[in-house]
Amino acid sequence: MARILIVDDSPTEIHVLKTMLEKHGFETFSAETGEKGVEATVAEKPDLVLMDIVMPGMNGFQATRQISSNDATRDIPVIIVTTKDQETDRVWGLRQGAKDYLTKPVDEKMLIEKINALLAG
């Protein structure tokens, strides 16, 4: 069973994503800040990270860059899940090392398909 880290400062968003993922058999855990997300990724080595962008302190772009540039975590795929729907944000997110970019509200079927495709390699 794949373990997915949800990094988001909104308890509501965490709950929504957790519910979707657990319904499809994924194990989830969460972090409320970019800093805690990076720490949890290093410590727990999840199979995949769902990363919000707009958070206090370290934002999701910065956290994604740290995860994708760290030798210990660079192979863990990050999908950015955010309300920021501008093409420039999407391009920037992918440049930071994210493997995919989805805007909220997330389409459950699309999210699960993207996760499964990344986990399949």
Protein backbone atom coordinates (compact mmCIF):
# COMPACT_ATOMS: atom_id res chain seq x y z
CA MET A 1 0.00 0.00 0.00
CA ALA A 2 1.48 3.34 -1.07
CA ARG A 3 2.02 6.03 1.58
CA ILE A 4 1.21 9.59 0.54
CA LEU A 5 2.19 12.75 2.39
CA ILE A 6 -0.29 15.63 2.11
CA VAL A 7 1.32 19.04 2.74
CA ASP A 8 -1.36 21.72 3.18
CA ASP A 9 -2.10 24.40 5.78
CA SER A 10 -5.87 23.87 5.46
CA PRO A 11 -7.35 21.14 7.71
CA THR A 12 -10.35 21.04 5.34
CA GLU A 13 -8.17 20.37 2.27
CA ILE A 14 -6.20 17.72 4.16
CA HIS A 15 -9.47 16.02 5.13
CA VAL A 16 -10.82 16.12 1.54
CA LEU A 17 -7.61 14.68 0.05
CA LYS A 18 -7.24 12.07 2.84
CA THR A 19 -10.81 10.87 2.26
CA MET A 20 -10.26 10.56 -1.52
CA LEU A 21 -6.95 8.73 -1.15
CA GLU A 22 -7.95 6.35 1.64
CA LYS A 23 -11.06 5.34 -0.33
CA HIS A 24 -8.64 4.13 -3.03
CA GLY A 25 -6.48 2.18 -0.58
CA PHE A 26 -3.68 4.67 0.02
CA GLU A 27 -2.19 5.27 3.45
CA THR A 28 -1.92 9.00 4.21
CA PHE A 29 -0.25 11.32 6.67
CA SER A 30 0.02 15.09 6.63
CA ALA A 31 2.11 18.16 7.41
CA GLU A 32 0.73 21.69 7.84
CA THR A 33 3.73 23.71 6.62
CA GLY A 34 6.37 23.55 3.91
CA GLU A 35 9.09 23.09 6.54
CA LYS A 36 7.24 20.18 8.19
CA GLY A 37 6.55 18.72 4.76
CA VAL A 38 10.25 18.65 3.90
CA GLU A 39 11.11 17.18 7.33
CA ALA A 40 8.40 14.50 7.01
CA THR A 41 9.57 13.59 3.51
CA VAL A 42 13.15 13.12 4.72
CA ALA A 43 12.13 11.21 7.88
CA GLU A 44 9.24 9.10 6.55
CA LYS A 45 10.16 8.59 2.86
CA PRO A 46 6.57 8.59 1.51
CA ASP A 47 5.92 7.07 -1.92
CA LEU A 48 4.51 10.41 -3.14
CA VAL A 49 3.89 13.96 -1.87
CA LEU A 50 0.86 16.18 -2.58
CA MET A 51 2.05 19.77 -2.08
CA ASP A 52 0.02 22.95 -1.62
CA ILE A 53 1.70 26.21 -2.68
CA VAL A 54 0.25 28.98 -0.53
CA MET A 55 1.35 28.30 3.06
CA PRO A 56 2.85 30.46 5.81
CA GLY A 57 6.65 30.35 6.06
CA MET A 58 8.18 28.13 3.39
CA ASN A 59 5.81 27.93 0.43
CA GLY A 60 5.17 24.83 -1.66
CA PHE A 61 7.52 25.90 -4.46
CA GLN A 62 10.40 26.19 -1.97
CA ALA A 63 9.50 22.89 -0.27
CA THR A 64 9.25 21.10 -3.63
CA ARG A 65 12.66 22.46 -4.65
CA GLN A 66 14.21 21.19 -1.39
CA ILE A 67 12.65 17.73 -1.79
CA SER A 68 13.64 17.38 -5.46
CA SER A 69 17.20 18.61 -4.91
CA ASN A 70 17.98 16.45 -1.85
CA ASP A 71 19.77 13.17 -2.68
CA ALA A 72 17.72 11.36 -0.01
CA THR A 73 14.33 12.46 -1.41
CA ARG A 74 14.84 13.37 -5.08
CA ASP A 75 13.17 10.14 -6.28
CA ILE A 76 9.95 10.84 -4.37
CA PRO A 77 7.46 12.35 -6.83
CA VAL A 78 5.72 15.60 -5.85
CA ILE A 79 2.34 16.62 -7.28
CA ILE A 80 1.46 20.24 -6.63
CA VAL A 81 -2.20 20.66 -5.63
CA THR A 82 -3.13 24.34 -5.41
CA THR A 83 -5.68 27.05 -6.09
CA LYS A 84 -3.05 28.89 -8.19
CA ASP A 85 -4.28 28.24 -11.72
CA GLN A 86 -2.01 30.49 -13.80
CA GLU A 87 0.14 28.85 -16.48
CA THR A 88 3.20 30.66 -15.08
CA ASP A 89 2.61 29.00 -11.68
CA ARG A 90 2.31 25.59 -13.33
CA VAL A 91 5.53 26.06 -15.30
CA TRP A 92 7.36 27.35 -12.20
CA GLY A 93 6.11 24.42 -10.11
CA LEU A 94 7.37 21.90 -12.65
CA ARG A 95 10.71 23.75 -12.79
CA GLN A 96 11.05 23.28 -9.02
CA GLY A 97 10.92 19.52 -9.57
CA ALA A 98 7.20 18.69 -9.31
CA LYS A 99 6.11 15.80 -11.52
CA ASP A 100 2.59 17.15 -12.02
CA TYR A 101 0.37 20.12 -11.18
CA LEU A 102 -3.35 20.04 -10.31
CA THR A 103 -5.65 22.89 -9.36
CA LYS A 104 -8.23 22.80 -6.56
CA PRO A 105 -10.91 21.68 -6.32
CA VAL A 106 -9.23 18.45 -7.38
CA ASP A 107 -11.00 15.99 -9.65
CA GLU A 108 -10.78 12.69 -7.75
CA LYS A 109 -10.53 10.46 -10.83
CA MET A 110 -7.76 12.60 -12.34
CA LEU A 111 -5.85 12.74 -9.04
CA ILE A 112 -5.93 8.94 -8.61
CA GLU A 113 -4.91 8.39 -12.26
CA LYS A 114 -1.93 10.76 -11.91
CA ILE A 115 -0.83 9.16 -8.63
CA ASN A 116 -1.09 5.64 -10.06
CA ALA A 117 0.85 6.65 -13.19
CA LEU A 118 3.69 8.17 -11.11
CA LEU A 119 3.82 5.23 -8.70
CA ALA A 120 3.92 2.78 -11.60
CA GLY A 121 7.07 4.54 -12.75
